Amino acid sequence: MATRTVGFAIEDADRARLERLVGKYAGGNRSAFLRVAISYMEAVDRAERLRSLQSYGCRRSADKGLGLTDVQAVVRRVIRRRRDR
């Protein structure tokens, strides 16, 4: 794995917080901590996007007068169709 050094600045007030988190989640290794933080933030991003899609789907369903049982029926139909291929 190729690596590259990147620089970023933090405020003095955040230094102690960073060191505590680096110690807790990465054994004192800032590079490892950044990799952990990136993975965590990607998971947060995915959850936010899924939440947004769910909200969109709920609004669209409500606009069409569809309820949870209607949605479940569609899901079952799609799963059955895929299984029968």
N, C-alpha and C. Protein backbone atom coordinates (compact mmCIF):
# COMPACT_ATOMS: atom_id res chain seq x y z
N MET A 1 0.85 -1.17 0.00
CA MET A 1 0.00 0.00 0.00
C MET A 1 0.89 1.23 0.00
N ALA A 2 0.70 2.07 -1.00
CA ALA A 2 1.46 3.32 -1.06
C ALA A 2 0.88 4.31 -0.06
N THR A 3 1.75 5.05 0.56
CA THR A 3 1.28 6.05 1.52
C THR A 3 1.78 7.42 1.12
N ARG A 4 1.08 8.41 1.59
CA ARG A 4 1.45 9.79 1.33
C ARG A 4 1.13 10.58 2.59
N THR A 5 2.02 11.45 2.96
CA THR A 5 1.81 12.30 4.12
C THR A 5 0.95 13.48 3.71
N VAL A 6 -0.09 13.72 4.48
CA VAL A 6 -0.93 14.90 4.27
C VAL A 6 -0.95 15.69 5.57
N GLY A 7 -0.99 16.97 5.45
CA GLY A 7 -0.99 17.81 6.65
C GLY A 7 -2.34 18.45 6.86
N PHE A 8 -2.69 18.60 8.10
CA PHE A 8 -3.86 19.38 8.44
C PHE A 8 -3.63 19.98 9.81
N ALA A 9 -4.34 21.03 10.10
CA ALA A 9 -4.15 21.76 11.34
C ALA A 9 -5.35 21.57 12.26
N ILE A 10 -5.08 21.55 13.55
CA ILE A 10 -6.15 21.55 14.54
C ILE A 10 -5.88 22.69 15.52
N GLU A 11 -6.91 23.14 16.15
CA GLU A 11 -6.74 24.19 17.14
C GLU A 11 -6.09 23.62 18.38
N ASP A 12 -5.37 24.45 19.09
CA ASP A 12 -4.71 24.01 20.33
C ASP A 12 -5.71 23.39 21.29
N ALA A 13 -6.90 23.94 21.34
CA ALA A 13 -7.93 23.44 22.25
C ALA A 13 -8.36 22.00 21.92
N ASP A 14 -8.17 21.60 20.67
CA ASP A 14 -8.58 20.25 20.25
C ASP A 14 -7.46 19.22 20.37
N ARG A 15 -6.26 19.64 20.68
CA ARG A 15 -5.11 18.74 20.72
C ARG A 15 -5.30 17.63 21.74
N ALA A 16 -5.75 17.96 22.95
CA ALA A 16 -5.94 16.95 23.99
C ALA A 16 -7.03 15.96 23.59
N ARG A 17 -8.08 16.46 22.98
CA ARG A 17 -9.15 15.57 22.52
C ARG A 17 -8.64 14.59 21.48
N LEU A 18 -7.86 15.12 20.53
CA LEU A 18 -7.30 14.27 19.49
C LEU A 18 -6.41 13.19 20.10
N GLU A 19 -5.53 13.58 20.99
CA GLU A 19 -4.60 12.61 21.59
C GLU A 19 -5.36 11.53 22.35
N ARG A 20 -6.40 11.92 23.07
CA ARG A 20 -7.20 10.93 23.81
C ARG A 20 -7.85 9.94 22.86
N LEU A 21 -8.44 10.45 21.78
CA LEU A 21 -9.10 9.57 20.81
C LEU A 21 -8.10 8.70 20.06
N VAL A 22 -6.96 9.26 19.71
CA VAL A 22 -5.92 8.48 19.03
C VAL A 22 -5.46 7.35 19.94
N GLY A 23 -5.29 7.64 21.21
CA GLY A 23 -4.89 6.60 22.15
C GLY A 23 -5.95 5.52 22.30
N LYS A 24 -7.19 5.94 22.38
CA LYS A 24 -8.28 4.98 22.59
C LYS A 24 -8.54 4.11 21.36
N TYR A 25 -8.57 4.71 20.17
CA TYR A 25 -9.00 3.97 18.99
C TYR A 25 -7.87 3.49 18.09
N ALA A 26 -6.65 3.97 18.32
CA ALA A 26 -5.58 3.58 17.39
C ALA A 26 -4.25 3.35 18.09
N GLY A 27 -4.28 3.11 19.39
CA GLY A 27 -3.05 2.79 20.11
C GLY A 27 -1.99 3.87 20.02
N GLY A 28 -2.40 5.12 19.84
CA GLY A 28 -1.44 6.22 19.77
C GLY A 28 -0.96 6.55 18.37
N ASN A 29 -1.42 5.82 17.37
CA ASN A 29 -0.98 6.02 15.99
C ASN A 29 -1.98 6.93 15.27
N ARG A 30 -1.56 8.16 14.98
CA ARG A 30 -2.48 9.12 14.34
C ARG A 30 -2.91 8.68 12.95
N SER A 31 -2.02 8.07 12.20
CA SER A 31 -2.39 7.61 10.86
C SER A 31 -3.46 6.53 10.95
N ALA A 32 -3.28 5.60 11.88
CA ALA A 32 -4.28 4.55 12.06
C ALA A 32 -5.60 5.15 12.52
N PHE A 33 -5.53 6.17 13.39
CA PHE A 33 -6.75 6.83 13.85
C PHE A 33 -7.48 7.47 12.68
N LEU A 34 -6.76 8.11 11.79
CA LEU A 34 -7.40 8.75 10.65
C LEU A 34 -8.10 7.71 9.78
N ARG A 35 -7.48 6.55 9.59
CA ARG A 35 -8.12 5.49 8.82
C ARG A 35 -9.40 5.02 9.51
N VAL A 36 -9.36 4.88 10.83
CA VAL A 36 -10.55 4.48 11.59
C VAL A 36 -11.63 5.55 11.45
N ALA A 37 -11.24 6.82 11.59
CA ALA A 37 -12.19 7.92 11.49
C ALA A 37 -12.82 7.99 10.10
N ILE A 38 -12.03 7.76 9.06
CA ILE A 38 -12.56 7.76 7.70
C ILE A 38 -13.59 6.65 7.54
N SER A 39 -13.28 5.45 8.01
CA SER A 39 -14.23 4.33 7.91
C SER A 39 -15.51 4.64 8.66
N TYR A 40 -15.37 5.21 9.85
CA TYR A 40 -16.55 5.55 10.65
C TYR A 40 -17.40 6.60 9.94
N MET A 41 -16.77 7.63 9.40
CA MET A 41 -17.52 8.69 8.74
C MET A 41 -18.17 8.20 7.45
N GLU A 42 -17.54 7.24 6.77
CA GLU A 42 -18.19 6.65 5.60
C GLU A 42 -19.46 5.91 6.02
N ALA A 43 -19.41 5.21 7.14
CA ALA A 43 -20.60 4.51 7.63
C ALA A 43 -21.69 5.51 8.01
N VAL A 44 -21.31 6.61 8.63
CA VAL A 44 -22.27 7.66 8.96
C VAL A 44 -22.89 8.22 7.69
N ASP A 45 -22.06 8.46 6.68
CA ASP A 45 -22.54 8.98 5.41
C ASP A 45 -23.54 8.03 4.76
N ARG A 46 -23.23 6.73 4.75
CA ARG A 46 -24.15 5.74 4.18
C ARG A 46 -25.48 5.74 4.94
N ALA A 47 -25.41 5.80 6.26
CA ALA A 47 -26.64 5.80 7.07
C ALA A 47 -27.48 7.04 6.77
N GLU A 48 -26.84 8.19 6.62
CA GLU A 48 -27.58 9.41 6.30
C GLU A 48 -28.23 9.32 4.93
N ARG A 49 -27.51 8.77 3.95
CA ARG A 49 -28.08 8.64 2.61
C ARG A 49 -29.24 7.65 2.61
N LEU A 50 -29.09 6.54 3.34
CA LEU A 50 -30.19 5.57 3.41
C LEU A 50 -31.41 6.17 4.11
N ARG A 51 -31.17 6.94 5.17
CA ARG A 51 -32.27 7.61 5.87
C ARG A 51 -33.00 8.56 4.92
N SER A 52 -32.24 9.28 4.13
CA SER A 52 -32.83 10.21 3.16
C SER A 52 -33.65 9.46 2.11
N LEU A 53 -33.11 8.35 1.60
CA LEU A 53 -33.85 7.54 0.63
C LEU A 53 -35.12 6.97 1.23
N GLN A 54 -35.03 6.54 2.49
CA GLN A 54 -36.21 5.99 3.16
C GLN A 54 -37.29 7.07 3.29
N SER A 55 -36.88 8.26 3.68
CA SER A 55 -37.81 9.36 3.81
C SER A 55 -38.46 9.69 2.46
N TYR A 56 -37.64 9.71 1.42
CA TYR A 56 -38.15 9.96 0.07
C TYR A 56 -39.18 8.89 -0.31
N GLY A 57 -38.85 7.63 -0.07
CA GLY A 57 -39.76 6.54 -0.39
C GLY A 57 -41.07 6.64 0.38
N CYS A 58 -40.98 7.01 1.64
CA CYS A 58 -42.20 7.17 2.45
C CYS A 58 -43.08 8.29 1.91
N ARG A 59 -42.45 9.40 1.53
CA ARG A 59 -43.22 10.52 0.97
C ARG A 59 -43.89 10.11 -0.34
N ARG A 60 -43.13 9.45 -1.21
CA ARG A 60 -43.70 9.02 -2.50
C ARG A 60 -44.83 8.03 -2.31
N SER A 61 -44.65 7.10 -1.38
CA SER A 61 -45.71 6.13 -1.10
C SER A 61 -46.96 6.83 -0.59
N ALA A 62 -46.77 7.76 0.35
CA ALA A 62 -47.91 8.48 0.91
C ALA A 62 -48.62 9.30 -0.17
N ASP A 63 -47.84 9.92 -1.06
CA ASP A 63 -48.44 10.69 -2.16
C ASP A 63 -49.32 9.83 -3.04
N LYS A 64 -48.97 8.57 -3.18
CA LYS A 64 -49.74 7.65 -4.02
C LYS A 64 -50.79 6.87 -3.24
N GLY A 65 -50.87 7.17 -1.94
CA GLY A 65 -51.87 6.50 -1.11
C GLY A 65 -51.50 5.07 -0.75
N LEU A 66 -50.22 4.75 -0.79
CA LEU A 66 -49.77 3.40 -0.46
C LEU A 66 -49.33 3.34 0.99
N GLY A 67 -49.64 2.22 1.63
CA GLY A 67 -49.24 2.02 3.02
C GLY A 67 -48.17 0.94 3.13
N LEU A 68 -47.82 0.62 4.36
CA LEU A 68 -46.78 -0.36 4.63
C LEU A 68 -47.12 -1.73 4.03
N THR A 69 -48.35 -2.15 4.13
CA THR A 69 -48.71 -3.46 3.58
C THR A 69 -48.56 -3.48 2.06
N ASP A 70 -48.84 -2.36 1.41
CA ASP A 70 -48.66 -2.28 -0.04
C ASP A 70 -47.18 -2.42 -0.40
N VAL A 71 -46.34 -1.72 0.34
CA VAL A 71 -44.90 -1.77 0.10
C VAL A 71 -44.38 -3.19 0.33
N GLN A 72 -44.82 -3.82 1.40
CA GLN A 72 -44.38 -5.19 1.69
C GLN A 72 -44.80 -6.14 0.57
N ALA A 73 -45.99 -5.94 0.01
CA ALA A 73 -46.45 -6.80 -1.09
C ALA A 73 -45.55 -6.62 -2.31
N VAL A 74 -45.15 -5.40 -2.60
CA VAL A 74 -44.27 -5.15 -3.74
C VAL A 74 -42.92 -5.82 -3.50
N VAL A 75 -42.38 -5.69 -2.30
CA VAL A 75 -41.09 -6.29 -1.98
C VAL A 75 -41.16 -7.80 -2.13
N ARG A 76 -42.22 -8.41 -1.61
CA ARG A 76 -42.38 -9.87 -1.75
C ARG A 76 -42.45 -10.28 -3.22
N ARG A 77 -43.18 -9.50 -4.02
CA ARG A 77 -43.33 -9.80 -5.44
C ARG A 77 -41.97 -9.73 -6.15
N VAL A 78 -41.18 -8.72 -5.85
CA VAL A 78 -39.86 -8.57 -6.48
C VAL A 78 -38.95 -9.71 -6.05
N ILE A 79 -38.94 -10.03 -4.77
CA ILE A 79 -38.10 -11.13 -4.27
C ILE A 79 -38.50 -12.44 -4.93
N ARG A 80 -39.78 -12.69 -5.04
CA ARG A 80 -40.27 -13.93 -5.65
C ARG A 80 -39.83 -13.99 -7.11
N ARG A 81 -39.95 -12.86 -7.82
CA ARG A 81 -39.56 -12.81 -9.23
C ARG A 81 -38.07 -13.11 -9.39
N ARG A 82 -37.24 -12.55 -8.51
CA ARG A 82 -35.80 -12.78 -8.60
C ARG A 82 -35.47 -14.23 -8.29
N ARG A 83 -36.18 -14.81 -7.34
CA ARG A 83 -35.94 -16.19 -6.94
C ARG A 83 -36.30 -17.15 -8.06
N ASP A 84 -37.32 -16.80 -8.82
CA ASP A 84 -37.82 -17.69 -9.90
C ASP A 84 -36.99 -17.63 -11.17
N ARG A 85 -36.03 -16.74 -11.23
CA ARG A 85 -35.19 -16.62 -12.44
C ARG A 85 -34.29 -17.81 -12.61
